[in-house]
Amino acid sequence: MEKPSSATLAADAPEWASRALAELTQLDPLLGTIPQRAGPLPWRRREAGFAGLLRSLCGQMISNQAATAIWGRLAALPGALNPDGLLALSDEALQGAGLSRPKLRHARALAEAFADGRLSAAVLADLRDEAAVAAIAAIPGFGPWTAEVHLLFGLGRPDIFPAGDLALAASVAALRDMPERPKPKQLAELAKAWRPWRSMAARLLWHHWRHVTGRPAGEAG
């Protein structure tokens, strides 16, 4: 199988990414055209474990710019990026960093799950994809989308596809010239054709959508 040009992938992409892109190009040639049109595929990562999930929580339902600002203030608080340290901080300090009351409660619930051992980077690494998604989604404020994005960017799982992501649906519609965005169930069904490299397909589609819309590079969506 012909491998894609090194120019189609960021230099820091893992070794398996080249194989994934080559196989996806065979499975769905349209996906293989994305780097040629949108530029080399960046390889975005997120920290695994507590800090990575906390950052995902900060970014829910707000713009990338606002999320970055909140994260910067939160990360500057002593101890905020470890479970015990966050639990020791006052509500006033966390709200001062920009966390809303619901996100404050969810951040504490996440910290408690890590502090008591229900969650950890090691626990998540040992779980299969579906079980890991379920374990994260069991924490208040963390639904399947947040869990799937964490597995994709934080844990580097190769076969994750957040079918509920609006940007992925929009990208597929634009790429395939569909009259409307596919619904989550339809998108999940379409993504089955990209197994076992659905994470690479998602990365390509997000890259394509940023290119189409002219949005600044972000992690997802």
N, C-alpha and C. Protein backbone atom coordinates (compact mmCIF):
# COMPACT_ATOMS: atom_id res chain seq x y z
N MET A 1 0.84 -1.19 0.00
CA MET A 1 0.00 0.00 0.00
C MET A 1 0.88 1.25 0.00
N GLU A 2 0.57 2.18 -0.89
CA GLU A 2 1.36 3.41 -0.98
C GLU A 2 1.13 4.28 0.24
N LYS A 3 2.21 4.72 0.85
CA LYS A 3 2.09 5.58 2.02
C LYS A 3 1.90 7.02 1.59
N PRO A 4 1.18 7.82 2.40
CA PRO A 4 1.01 9.22 2.07
C PRO A 4 2.33 9.96 2.21
N SER A 5 2.43 11.07 1.50
CA SER A 5 3.62 11.89 1.60
C SER A 5 3.80 12.39 3.02
N SER A 6 5.04 12.51 3.46
CA SER A 6 5.30 13.01 4.81
C SER A 6 4.78 14.44 4.98
N ALA A 7 4.57 15.14 3.84
CA ALA A 7 4.08 16.51 3.91
C ALA A 7 2.62 16.58 4.32
N THR A 8 1.92 15.44 4.33
CA THR A 8 0.50 15.44 4.68
C THR A 8 0.27 15.32 6.17
N LEU A 9 1.31 15.05 6.93
CA LEU A 9 1.20 14.88 8.37
C LEU A 9 2.19 15.78 9.10
N ALA A 10 1.78 16.27 10.26
CA ALA A 10 2.72 17.03 11.08
C ALA A 10 3.90 16.15 11.48
N ALA A 11 5.03 16.77 11.69
CA ALA A 11 6.26 16.01 11.96
C ALA A 11 6.18 15.24 13.27
N ASP A 12 5.34 15.70 14.21
CA ASP A 12 5.27 15.03 15.50
C ASP A 12 4.18 13.97 15.57
N ALA A 13 3.58 13.63 14.44
CA ALA A 13 2.56 12.58 14.44
C ALA A 13 3.20 11.25 14.78
N PRO A 14 2.49 10.36 15.49
CA PRO A 14 3.06 9.07 15.86
C PRO A 14 3.26 8.17 14.64
N GLU A 15 4.01 7.12 14.83
CA GLU A 15 4.36 6.25 13.71
C GLU A 15 3.13 5.63 13.05
N TRP A 16 2.11 5.28 13.86
CA TRP A 16 0.95 4.62 13.28
C TRP A 16 0.09 5.54 12.44
N ALA A 17 0.27 6.86 12.56
CA ALA A 17 -0.57 7.81 11.84
C ALA A 17 -0.41 7.68 10.33
N SER A 18 0.81 7.44 9.88
CA SER A 18 1.04 7.29 8.44
C SER A 18 0.30 6.08 7.89
N ARG A 19 0.36 4.98 8.63
CA ARG A 19 -0.38 3.78 8.21
C ARG A 19 -1.88 4.04 8.20
N ALA A 20 -2.37 4.70 9.27
CA ALA A 20 -3.80 4.99 9.36
C ALA A 20 -4.26 5.84 8.18
N LEU A 21 -3.50 6.86 7.84
CA LEU A 21 -3.88 7.74 6.75
C LEU A 21 -3.86 6.99 5.42
N ALA A 22 -2.86 6.15 5.24
CA ALA A 22 -2.77 5.37 4.00
C ALA A 22 -3.96 4.43 3.86
N GLU A 23 -4.32 3.75 4.94
CA GLU A 23 -5.43 2.81 4.87
C GLU A 23 -6.76 3.54 4.70
N LEU A 24 -6.92 4.68 5.35
CA LEU A 24 -8.15 5.45 5.19
C LEU A 24 -8.29 5.97 3.77
N THR A 25 -7.19 6.35 3.17
CA THR A 25 -7.23 6.83 1.78
C THR A 25 -7.72 5.73 0.86
N GLN A 26 -7.37 4.49 1.16
CA GLN A 26 -7.87 3.37 0.37
C GLN A 26 -9.36 3.14 0.65
N LEU A 27 -9.75 3.24 1.91
CA LEU A 27 -11.14 3.00 2.28
C LEU A 27 -12.06 4.11 1.78
N ASP A 28 -11.59 5.33 1.85
CA ASP A 28 -12.41 6.49 1.48
C ASP A 28 -11.48 7.54 0.86
N PRO A 29 -11.32 7.52 -0.45
CA PRO A 29 -10.38 8.45 -1.10
C PRO A 29 -10.65 9.92 -0.79
N LEU A 30 -11.91 10.28 -0.51
CA LEU A 30 -12.19 11.68 -0.19
C LEU A 30 -11.45 12.14 1.05
N LEU A 31 -11.34 11.28 2.04
CA LEU A 31 -10.59 11.64 3.25
C LEU A 31 -9.13 11.90 2.91
N GLY A 32 -8.60 11.12 1.99
CA GLY A 32 -7.20 11.27 1.63
C GLY A 32 -6.89 12.57 0.92
N THR A 33 -7.92 13.25 0.39
CA THR A 33 -7.68 14.52 -0.29
C THR A 33 -7.60 15.70 0.67
N ILE A 34 -7.99 15.50 1.91
CA ILE A 34 -8.07 16.63 2.85
C ILE A 34 -6.71 17.30 3.09
N PRO A 35 -5.63 16.56 3.39
CA PRO A 35 -4.36 17.24 3.64
C PRO A 35 -3.86 18.03 2.43
N GLN A 36 -4.14 17.55 1.21
CA GLN A 36 -3.71 18.29 0.03
C GLN A 36 -4.42 19.63 -0.08
N ARG A 37 -5.67 19.68 0.38
CA ARG A 37 -6.43 20.92 0.27
C ARG A 37 -6.29 21.81 1.50
N ALA A 38 -6.22 21.19 2.67
CA ALA A 38 -6.22 21.95 3.93
C ALA A 38 -4.83 22.12 4.53
N GLY A 39 -3.84 21.45 3.96
CA GLY A 39 -2.50 21.53 4.51
C GLY A 39 -2.19 20.34 5.40
N PRO A 40 -0.94 20.21 5.83
CA PRO A 40 -0.56 19.06 6.68
C PRO A 40 -1.45 18.95 7.90
N LEU A 41 -1.79 17.73 8.26
CA LEU A 41 -2.67 17.47 9.39
C LEU A 41 -1.91 17.71 10.69
N PRO A 42 -2.31 18.69 11.51
CA PRO A 42 -1.63 18.88 12.80
C PRO A 42 -1.95 17.73 13.73
N TRP A 43 -1.04 17.45 14.65
CA TRP A 43 -1.28 16.35 15.58
C TRP A 43 -1.49 16.90 16.98
N ARG A 44 -2.74 17.15 17.30
CA ARG A 44 -3.07 17.75 18.58
C ARG A 44 -3.16 16.70 19.67
N ARG A 45 -2.66 17.07 20.83
CA ARG A 45 -2.68 16.18 21.98
C ARG A 45 -3.24 16.93 23.18
N ARG A 46 -3.71 16.18 24.14
CA ARG A 46 -4.14 16.73 25.42
C ARG A 46 -3.56 15.85 26.51
N GLU A 47 -3.28 16.46 27.64
CA GLU A 47 -2.72 15.70 28.75
C GLU A 47 -3.72 14.63 29.20
N ALA A 48 -3.22 13.44 29.43
CA ALA A 48 -4.09 12.36 29.92
C ALA A 48 -4.39 12.56 31.40
N GLY A 49 -5.48 12.01 31.86
CA GLY A 49 -5.78 12.04 33.28
C GLY A 49 -6.53 13.28 33.72
N PHE A 50 -6.35 13.64 34.99
CA PHE A 50 -7.16 14.67 35.62
C PHE A 50 -7.07 16.01 34.91
N ALA A 51 -5.85 16.48 34.67
CA ALA A 51 -5.69 17.81 34.08
C ALA A 51 -6.33 17.90 32.70
N GLY A 52 -6.18 16.85 31.91
CA GLY A 52 -6.78 16.86 30.58
C GLY A 52 -8.29 16.92 30.61
N LEU A 53 -8.89 16.15 31.51
CA LEU A 53 -10.35 16.17 31.63
C LEU A 53 -10.84 17.49 32.21
N LEU A 54 -10.09 18.04 33.14
CA LEU A 54 -10.46 19.34 33.70
C LEU A 54 -10.44 20.41 32.61
N ARG A 55 -9.46 20.34 31.74
CA ARG A 55 -9.40 21.33 30.65
C ARG A 55 -10.57 21.15 29.70
N SER A 56 -10.96 19.90 29.44
CA SER A 56 -12.13 19.66 28.60
C SER A 56 -13.38 20.27 29.22
N LEU A 57 -13.52 20.13 30.54
CA LEU A 57 -14.66 20.72 31.24
C LEU A 57 -14.68 22.23 31.06
N CYS A 58 -13.53 22.85 31.16
CA CYS A 58 -13.45 24.31 31.02
C CYS A 58 -13.94 24.77 29.65
N GLY A 59 -13.75 23.93 28.63
CA GLY A 59 -14.08 24.33 27.26
C GLY A 59 -15.49 24.03 26.83
N GLN A 60 -16.28 23.41 27.68
CA GLN A 60 -17.63 23.03 27.28
C GLN A 60 -18.52 24.26 27.09
N MET A 61 -19.19 24.31 25.94
CA MET A 61 -20.24 25.29 25.65
C MET A 61 -19.75 26.73 25.59
N ILE A 62 -18.46 26.95 25.40
CA ILE A 62 -17.95 28.30 25.24
C ILE A 62 -16.94 28.32 24.10
N SER A 63 -16.55 29.50 23.68
CA SER A 63 -15.61 29.62 22.57
C SER A 63 -14.22 29.15 22.97
N ASN A 64 -13.41 28.81 21.98
CA ASN A 64 -12.03 28.42 22.25
C ASN A 64 -11.27 29.54 22.97
N GLN A 65 -11.53 30.79 22.56
CA GLN A 65 -10.83 31.92 23.17
C GLN A 65 -11.17 32.04 24.65
N ALA A 66 -12.47 31.94 24.96
CA ALA A 66 -12.88 32.03 26.37
C ALA A 66 -12.34 30.86 27.18
N ALA A 67 -12.36 29.66 26.58
CA ALA A 67 -11.86 28.48 27.28
C ALA A 67 -10.38 28.61 27.59
N THR A 68 -9.63 29.14 26.64
CA THR A 68 -8.19 29.32 26.85
C THR A 68 -7.92 30.30 27.98
N ALA A 69 -8.71 31.36 28.04
CA ALA A 69 -8.53 32.35 29.10
C ALA A 69 -8.84 31.76 30.47
N ILE A 70 -9.93 31.01 30.55
CA ILE A 70 -10.30 30.40 31.84
C ILE A 70 -9.25 29.39 32.26
N TRP A 71 -8.80 28.59 31.32
CA TRP A 71 -7.79 27.58 31.64
C TRP A 71 -6.51 28.23 32.15
N GLY A 72 -6.11 29.32 31.54
CA GLY A 72 -4.91 30.00 31.98
C GLY A 72 -5.02 30.48 33.42
N ARG A 73 -6.18 31.03 33.77
CA ARG A 73 -6.37 31.51 35.15
C ARG A 73 -6.46 30.34 36.12
N LEU A 74 -7.15 29.27 35.70
CA LEU A 74 -7.28 28.11 36.59
C LEU A 74 -5.93 27.45 36.83
N ALA A 75 -5.17 27.27 35.76
CA ALA A 75 -3.87 26.61 35.88
C ALA A 75 -2.91 27.40 36.75
N ALA A 76 -3.14 28.70 36.87
CA ALA A 76 -2.26 29.54 37.69
C ALA A 76 -2.56 29.42 39.18
N LEU A 77 -3.69 28.81 39.54
CA LEU A 77 -4.01 28.64 40.95
C LEU A 77 -3.17 27.50 41.53
N PRO A 78 -2.51 27.72 42.65
CA PRO A 78 -1.66 26.67 43.24
C PRO A 78 -2.45 25.40 43.52
N GLY A 79 -1.98 24.29 42.94
CA GLY A 79 -2.59 23.00 43.20
C GLY A 79 -3.80 22.66 42.37
N ALA A 80 -4.27 23.58 41.52
CA ALA A 80 -5.53 23.36 40.81
C ALA A 80 -5.49 22.19 39.84
N LEU A 81 -4.31 21.82 39.38
CA LEU A 81 -4.23 20.79 38.34
C LEU A 81 -3.99 19.40 38.92
N ASN A 82 -4.16 19.24 40.23
CA ASN A 82 -4.18 17.90 40.80
C ASN A 82 -5.40 17.78 41.69
N PRO A 83 -5.96 16.58 41.82
CA PRO A 83 -7.25 16.42 42.49
C PRO A 83 -7.29 16.98 43.91
N ASP A 84 -6.34 16.61 44.77
CA ASP A 84 -6.36 17.08 46.15
C ASP A 84 -6.20 18.60 46.22
N GLY A 85 -5.37 19.13 45.35
CA GLY A 85 -5.15 20.57 45.35
C GLY A 85 -6.40 21.32 44.95
N LEU A 86 -7.12 20.83 43.95
CA LEU A 86 -8.34 21.51 43.54
C LEU A 86 -9.39 21.44 44.64
N LEU A 87 -9.50 20.29 45.29
CA LEU A 87 -10.48 20.16 46.37
C LEU A 87 -10.19 21.09 47.53
N ALA A 88 -8.93 21.45 47.69
CA ALA A 88 -8.55 22.35 48.79
C ALA A 88 -8.83 23.81 48.48
N LEU A 89 -9.06 24.14 47.22
CA LEU A 89 -9.31 25.52 46.84
C LEU A 89 -10.73 25.92 47.18
N SER A 90 -10.95 27.18 47.48
CA SER A 90 -12.27 27.68 47.82
C SER A 90 -13.11 27.86 46.56
N ASP A 91 -14.43 27.86 46.76
CA ASP A 91 -15.32 28.15 45.64
C ASP A 91 -15.02 29.52 45.05
N GLU A 92 -14.71 30.47 45.92
CA GLU A 92 -14.43 31.82 45.45
C GLU A 92 -13.23 31.85 44.53
N ALA A 93 -12.19 31.09 44.85
CA ALA A 93 -11.00 31.06 44.00
C ALA A 93 -11.32 30.45 42.64
N LEU A 94 -12.10 29.37 42.65
CA LEU A 94 -12.42 28.71 41.38
C LEU A 94 -13.35 29.57 40.53
N GLN A 95 -14.31 30.23 41.16
CA GLN A 95 -15.18 31.12 40.41
C GLN A 95 -14.40 32.33 39.90
N GLY A 96 -13.44 32.77 40.68
CA GLY A 96 -12.61 33.88 40.24
C GLY A 96 -11.81 33.55 39.00
N ALA A 97 -11.49 32.27 38.82
CA ALA A 97 -10.77 31.84 37.61
C ALA A 97 -11.69 31.77 36.40
N GLY A 98 -13.01 31.80 36.67
CA GLY A 98 -13.96 31.80 35.55
C GLY A 98 -14.90 30.62 35.50
N LEU A 99 -14.80 29.70 36.46
CA LEU A 99 -15.71 28.57 36.46
C LEU A 99 -17.10 29.00 36.91
N SER A 100 -18.11 28.62 36.13
CA SER A 100 -19.49 28.87 36.55
C SER A 100 -19.81 27.94 37.72
N ARG A 101 -20.95 28.19 38.37
CA ARG A 101 -21.32 27.32 39.49
C ARG A 101 -21.48 25.86 39.06
N PRO A 102 -22.15 25.58 37.93
CA PRO A 102 -22.23 24.17 37.51
C PRO A 102 -20.86 23.56 37.22
N LYS A 103 -19.99 24.31 36.53
CA LYS A 103 -18.67 23.76 36.21
C LYS A 103 -17.83 23.59 37.49
N LEU A 104 -18.03 24.47 38.44
CA LEU A 104 -17.33 24.32 39.72
C LEU A 104 -17.73 23.00 40.38
N ARG A 105 -19.03 22.71 40.40
CA ARG A 105 -19.49 21.44 40.99
C ARG A 105 -18.94 20.25 40.22
N HIS A 106 -18.91 20.35 38.92
CA HIS A 106 -18.43 19.24 38.10
C HIS A 106 -16.92 19.06 38.27
N ALA A 107 -16.20 20.16 38.41
CA ALA A 107 -14.76 20.06 38.63
C ALA A 107 -14.46 19.36 39.96
N ARG A 108 -15.24 19.68 40.97
CA ARG A 108 -15.05 19.01 42.27
C ARG A 108 -15.43 17.53 42.17
N ALA A 109 -16.49 17.22 41.43
CA ALA A 109 -16.87 15.81 41.26
C ALA A 109 -15.76 15.03 40.56
N LEU A 110 -15.14 15.66 39.56
CA LEU A 110 -14.02 15.02 38.85
C LEU A 110 -12.85 14.80 39.81
N ALA A 111 -12.53 15.83 40.58
CA ALA A 111 -11.42 15.72 41.52
C ALA A 111 -11.68 14.63 42.55
N GLU A 112 -12.91 14.52 43.03
CA GLU A 112 -13.24 13.48 43.99
C GLU A 112 -13.09 12.09 43.39
N ALA A 113 -13.48 11.94 42.12
CA ALA A 113 -13.35 10.64 41.45
C ALA A 113 -11.88 10.23 41.32
N PHE A 114 -11.02 11.19 41.05
CA PHE A 114 -9.58 10.87 40.96
C PHE A 114 -8.98 10.68 42.35
N ALA A 115 -9.43 11.46 43.31
CA ALA A 115 -8.87 11.36 44.66
C ALA A 115 -9.21 10.02 45.31
N ASP A 116 -10.41 9.50 45.04
CA ASP A 116 -10.78 8.23 45.68
C ASP A 116 -10.47 7.00 44.83
N GLY A 117 -9.86 7.23 43.64
CA GLY A 117 -9.40 6.11 42.84
C GLY A 117 -10.39 5.56 41.83
N ARG A 118 -11.58 6.13 41.76
CA ARG A 118 -12.52 5.66 40.75
C ARG A 118 -11.99 5.91 39.34
N LEU A 119 -11.28 7.01 39.19
CA LEU A 119 -10.65 7.34 37.92
C LEU A 119 -9.17 7.61 38.16
N SER A 120 -8.38 7.30 37.16
CA SER A 120 -6.96 7.66 37.13
C SER A 120 -6.49 7.41 35.71
N ALA A 121 -5.35 7.97 35.36
CA ALA A 121 -4.80 7.72 34.03
C ALA A 121 -4.57 6.22 33.83
N ALA A 122 -4.10 5.54 34.89
CA ALA A 122 -3.84 4.10 34.78
C ALA A 122 -5.13 3.31 34.62
N VAL A 123 -6.15 3.67 35.39
CA VAL A 123 -7.44 2.99 35.28
C VAL A 123 -7.99 3.13 33.87
N LEU A 124 -7.99 4.34 33.34
CA LEU A 124 -8.53 4.57 32.00
C LEU A 124 -7.71 3.84 30.95
N ALA A 125 -6.40 3.79 31.13
CA ALA A 125 -5.55 3.11 30.14
C ALA A 125 -5.85 1.62 30.07
N ASP A 126 -6.31 1.04 31.16
CA ASP A 126 -6.58 -0.39 31.20
C ASP A 126 -7.97 -0.75 30.67
N LEU A 127 -8.83 0.23 30.49
CA LEU A 127 -10.20 -0.04 30.06
C LEU A 127 -10.31 -0.02 28.54
N ARG A 128 -11.19 -0.87 28.03
CA ARG A 128 -11.51 -0.81 26.61
C ARG A 128 -12.25 0.50 26.32
N ASP A 129 -12.33 0.85 25.04
CA ASP A 129 -12.87 2.15 24.66
C ASP A 129 -14.25 2.41 25.28
N GLU A 130 -15.19 1.50 25.08
CA GLU A 130 -16.55 1.74 25.57
C GLU A 130 -16.59 1.86 27.09
N ALA A 131 -15.82 1.04 27.78
CA ALA A 131 -15.79 1.09 29.23
C ALA A 131 -15.15 2.38 29.72
N ALA A 132 -14.12 2.85 29.03
CA ALA A 132 -13.48 4.11 29.41
C ALA A 132 -14.41 5.28 29.21
N VAL A 133 -15.15 5.29 28.10
CA VAL A 133 -16.14 6.34 27.87
C VAL A 133 -17.19 6.33 28.97
N ALA A 134 -17.67 5.16 29.32
CA ALA A 134 -18.69 5.05 30.37
C ALA A 134 -18.17 5.52 31.72
N ALA A 135 -16.91 5.21 32.04
CA ALA A 135 -16.34 5.60 33.32
C ALA A 135 -16.24 7.12 33.43
N ILE A 136 -15.84 7.77 32.36
CA ILE A 136 -15.74 9.24 32.38
C ILE A 136 -17.14 9.86 32.39
N ALA A 137 -18.03 9.33 31.57
CA ALA A 137 -19.37 9.90 31.46
C ALA A 137 -20.19 9.72 32.73
N ALA A 138 -19.75 8.84 33.63
CA ALA A 138 -20.45 8.66 34.90
C ALA A 138 -20.22 9.82 35.86
N ILE A 139 -19.22 10.66 35.58
CA ILE A 139 -18.94 11.82 36.42
C ILE A 139 -19.89 12.95 36.02
N PRO A 140 -20.57 13.58 36.97
CA PRO A 140 -21.48 14.68 36.62
C PRO A 140 -20.79 15.74 35.77
N GLY A 141 -21.46 16.13 34.68
CA GLY A 141 -20.91 17.15 33.79
C GLY A 141 -20.07 16.61 32.66
N PHE A 142 -19.82 15.30 32.65
CA PHE A 142 -18.98 14.71 31.61
C PHE A 142 -19.80 13.70 30.80
N GLY A 143 -20.24 14.12 29.64
CA GLY A 143 -21.02 13.24 28.79
C GLY A 143 -20.14 12.44 27.84
N PRO A 144 -20.77 11.66 26.96
CA PRO A 144 -20.00 10.83 26.02
C PRO A 144 -19.07 11.64 25.12
N TRP A 145 -19.52 12.83 24.68
CA TRP A 145 -18.66 13.60 23.77
C TRP A 145 -17.35 13.97 24.45
N THR A 146 -17.44 14.50 25.66
CA THR A 146 -16.22 14.87 26.39
C THR A 146 -15.33 13.66 26.61
N ALA A 147 -15.95 12.54 26.95
CA ALA A 147 -15.17 11.31 27.19
C ALA A 147 -14.49 10.86 25.90
N GLU A 148 -15.21 10.87 24.80
CA GLU A 148 -14.63 10.40 23.54
C GLU A 148 -13.50 11.31 23.07
N VAL A 149 -13.69 12.61 23.22
CA VAL A 149 -12.63 13.54 22.83
C VAL A 149 -11.39 13.33 23.70
N HIS A 150 -11.59 13.04 24.98
CA HIS A 150 -10.44 12.77 25.85
C HIS A 150 -9.70 11.50 25.43
N LEU A 151 -10.45 10.47 25.09
CA LEU A 151 -9.81 9.24 24.63
C LEU A 151 -9.04 9.47 23.34
N LEU A 152 -9.57 10.30 22.49
CA LEU A 152 -8.93 10.56 21.20
C LEU A 152 -7.66 11.39 21.36
N PHE A 153 -7.78 12.53 22.06
CA PHE A 153 -6.65 13.46 22.15
C PHE A 153 -5.76 13.21 23.37
N GLY A 154 -6.33 12.73 24.46
CA GLY A 154 -5.55 12.54 25.68
C GLY A 154 -4.88 11.18 25.74
N LEU A 155 -5.64 10.14 25.38
CA LEU A 155 -5.11 8.78 25.47
C LEU A 155 -4.61 8.25 24.14
N GLY A 156 -4.86 8.97 23.06
CA GLY A 156 -4.35 8.55 21.76
C GLY A 156 -4.98 7.28 21.23
N ARG A 157 -6.23 7.01 21.60
CA ARG A 157 -6.91 5.82 21.09
C ARG A 157 -7.13 5.97 19.58
N PRO A 158 -6.91 4.91 18.80
CA PRO A 158 -6.96 5.05 17.34
C PRO A 158 -8.34 4.90 16.71
N ASP A 159 -9.33 4.42 17.47
CA ASP A 159 -10.61 4.09 16.83
C ASP A 159 -11.78 4.71 17.58
N ILE A 160 -11.71 6.02 17.83
CA ILE A 160 -12.76 6.77 18.52
C ILE A 160 -13.38 7.76 17.55
N PHE A 161 -14.70 7.82 17.54
CA PHE A 161 -15.37 8.78 16.66
C PHE A 161 -16.54 9.41 17.40
N PRO A 162 -16.43 10.69 17.81
CA PRO A 162 -17.52 11.37 18.53
C PRO A 162 -18.66 11.74 17.59
N ALA A 163 -19.58 10.82 17.37
CA ALA A 163 -20.62 11.00 16.36
C ALA A 163 -21.59 12.13 16.69
N GLY A 164 -21.60 12.57 17.94
CA GLY A 164 -22.46 13.68 18.31
C GLY A 164 -21.85 15.05 18.07
N ASP A 165 -20.66 15.11 17.50
CA ASP A 165 -19.97 16.37 17.29
C ASP A 165 -20.53 17.09 16.06
N LEU A 166 -21.00 18.31 16.24
CA LEU A 166 -21.64 19.05 15.15
C LEU A 166 -20.65 19.39 14.04
N ALA A 167 -19.42 19.70 14.39
CA ALA A 167 -18.44 20.05 13.37
C ALA A 167 -18.10 18.84 12.50
N LEU A 168 -18.03 17.66 13.09
CA LEU A 168 -17.79 16.46 12.29
C LEU A 168 -18.94 16.22 11.31
N ALA A 169 -20.17 16.41 11.78
CA ALA A 169 -21.33 16.25 10.89
C ALA A 169 -21.29 17.27 9.76
N ALA A 170 -20.96 18.51 10.09
CA ALA A 170 -20.89 19.56 9.07
C ALA A 170 -19.79 19.28 8.07
N SER A 171 -18.65 18.78 8.55
CA SER A 171 -17.53 18.49 7.67
C SER A 171 -17.87 17.36 6.69
N VAL A 172 -18.51 16.31 7.20
CA VAL A 172 -18.92 15.21 6.32
C VAL A 172 -19.88 15.72 5.27
N ALA A 173 -20.85 16.55 5.67
CA ALA A 173 -21.81 17.08 4.71
C ALA A 173 -21.13 17.91 3.63
N ALA A 174 -20.16 18.74 4.03
CA ALA A 174 -19.45 19.57 3.06
C ALA A 174 -18.57 18.72 2.15
N LEU A 175 -17.90 17.74 2.72
CA LEU A 175 -16.98 16.91 1.94
C LEU A 175 -17.73 16.08 0.92
N ARG A 176 -18.90 15.58 1.31
CA ARG A 176 -19.68 14.69 0.43
C ARG A 176 -20.79 15.42 -0.31
N ASP A 177 -20.84 16.73 -0.15
CA ASP A 177 -21.87 17.54 -0.83
C ASP A 177 -23.27 17.02 -0.49
N MET A 178 -23.51 16.78 0.78
CA MET A 178 -24.81 16.31 1.25
C MET A 178 -25.74 17.49 1.47
N PRO A 179 -27.04 17.33 1.27
CA PRO A 179 -27.97 18.46 1.42
C PRO A 179 -28.13 18.93 2.86
N GLU A 180 -27.86 18.07 3.84
CA GLU A 180 -27.94 18.46 5.24
C GLU A 180 -26.97 17.64 6.07
N ARG A 181 -26.71 18.11 7.26
CA ARG A 181 -25.79 17.40 8.14
C ARG A 181 -26.38 16.07 8.56
N PRO A 182 -25.58 15.02 8.56
CA PRO A 182 -26.10 13.74 9.06
C PRO A 182 -26.36 13.81 10.56
N LYS A 183 -27.40 13.13 11.00
CA LYS A 183 -27.69 13.02 12.43
C LYS A 183 -26.66 12.10 13.08
N PRO A 184 -26.54 12.16 14.42
CA PRO A 184 -25.52 11.34 15.08
C PRO A 184 -25.57 9.86 14.73
N LYS A 185 -26.76 9.27 14.70
CA LYS A 185 -26.85 7.84 14.38
C LYS A 185 -26.38 7.57 12.95
N GLN A 186 -26.76 8.45 12.03
CA GLN A 186 -26.32 8.29 10.64
C GLN A 186 -24.82 8.46 10.52
N LEU A 187 -24.28 9.45 11.25
CA LEU A 187 -22.84 9.70 11.21
C LEU A 187 -22.07 8.52 11.79
N ALA A 188 -22.57 7.96 12.90
CA ALA A 188 -21.92 6.80 13.49
C ALA A 188 -21.92 5.62 12.52
N GLU A 189 -23.01 5.47 11.79
CA GLU A 189 -23.09 4.39 10.81
C GLU A 189 -22.10 4.61 9.67
N LEU A 190 -21.99 5.84 9.20
CA LEU A 190 -21.02 6.16 8.15
C LEU A 190 -19.59 5.88 8.63
N ALA A 191 -19.33 6.20 9.89
CA ALA A 191 -17.98 6.06 10.42
C ALA A 191 -17.54 4.61 10.56
N LYS A 192 -18.47 3.68 10.57
CA LYS A 192 -18.09 2.28 10.66
C LYS A 192 -17.17 1.87 9.51
N ALA A 193 -17.31 2.51 8.37
CA ALA A 193 -16.48 2.19 7.21
C ALA A 193 -15.02 2.58 7.44
N TRP A 194 -14.75 3.41 8.45
CA TRP A 194 -13.39 3.89 8.70
C TRP A 194 -12.69 3.12 9.80
N ARG A 195 -13.33 2.11 10.36
CA ARG A 195 -12.67 1.28 11.37
C ARG A 195 -11.49 0.55 10.75
N PRO A 196 -10.38 0.36 11.45
CA PRO A 196 -10.13 0.66 12.88
C PRO A 196 -9.43 2.00 13.11
N TRP A 197 -9.62 2.94 12.19
CA TRP A 197 -8.90 4.21 12.27
C TRP A 197 -9.87 5.40 12.33
N ARG A 198 -10.94 5.24 13.08
CA ARG A 198 -11.93 6.32 13.13
C ARG A 198 -11.39 7.59 13.78
N SER A 199 -10.41 7.46 14.67
CA SER A 199 -9.81 8.67 15.27
C SER A 199 -9.10 9.49 14.21
N MET A 200 -8.41 8.83 13.30
CA MET A 200 -7.76 9.56 12.21
C MET A 200 -8.80 10.21 11.31
N ALA A 201 -9.89 9.51 11.04
CA ALA A 201 -10.95 10.10 10.24
C ALA A 201 -11.51 11.35 10.90
N ALA A 202 -11.71 11.30 12.22
CA ALA A 202 -12.22 12.46 12.95
C ALA A 202 -11.23 13.62 12.86
N ARG A 203 -9.95 13.33 13.05
CA ARG A 203 -8.94 14.39 12.96
C ARG A 203 -8.95 15.04 11.57
N LEU A 204 -9.05 14.22 10.55
CA LEU A 204 -9.08 14.75 9.19
C LEU A 204 -10.31 15.62 8.96
N LEU A 205 -11.45 15.16 9.44
CA LEU A 205 -12.69 15.91 9.24
C LEU A 205 -12.69 17.22 10.01
N TRP A 206 -12.17 17.24 11.23
CA TRP A 206 -12.04 18.51 11.95
C TRP A 206 -11.10 19.45 11.20
N HIS A 207 -10.02 18.91 10.68
CA HIS A 207 -9.05 19.70 9.92
C HIS A 207 -9.73 20.29 8.69
N HIS A 208 -10.51 19.48 8.01
CA HIS A 208 -11.24 19.93 6.83
C HIS A 208 -12.23 21.05 7.18
N TRP A 209 -12.94 20.90 8.30
CA TRP A 209 -13.94 21.90 8.66
C TRP A 209 -13.30 23.22 9.04
N ARG A 210 -12.17 23.19 9.73
CA ARG A 210 -11.45 24.43 10.03
C ARG A 210 -11.02 25.11 8.74
N HIS A 211 -10.60 24.33 7.77
CA HIS A 211 -10.18 24.89 6.49
C HIS A 211 -11.37 25.51 5.76
N VAL A 212 -12.49 24.81 5.73
CA VAL A 212 -13.68 25.29 5.03
C VAL A 212 -14.21 26.58 5.65
N THR A 213 -14.23 26.63 6.97
CA THR A 213 -14.82 27.78 7.66
C THR A 213 -13.82 28.89 7.96
N GLY A 214 -12.54 28.59 7.82
CA GLY A 214 -11.54 29.59 8.14
C GLY A 214 -11.37 29.82 9.63
N ARG A 215 -11.84 28.84 10.44
CA ARG A 215 -11.72 28.98 11.88
C ARG A 215 -10.28 28.74 12.33
N PRO A 216 -9.85 29.40 13.40
CA PRO A 216 -8.50 29.12 13.91
C PRO A 216 -8.42 27.69 14.40
N ALA A 217 -7.20 27.16 14.34
CA ALA A 217 -7.00 25.77 14.77
C ALA A 217 -7.37 25.62 16.23
N GLY A 218 -8.18 24.61 16.51
CA GLY A 218 -8.57 24.26 17.87
C GLY A 218 -8.43 22.77 18.04
N GLU A 219 -8.83 22.27 19.13
CA GLU A 219 -8.65 20.85 19.34
C GLU A 219 -9.73 20.01 18.71
N ALA A 220 -10.93 20.46 18.82
CA ALA A 220 -12.05 19.71 18.25
C ALA A 220 -13.16 20.65 17.93
N GLY A 221 -13.85 20.35 16.86
CA GLY A 221 -15.01 21.16 16.53
C GLY A 221 -14.64 22.39 15.74
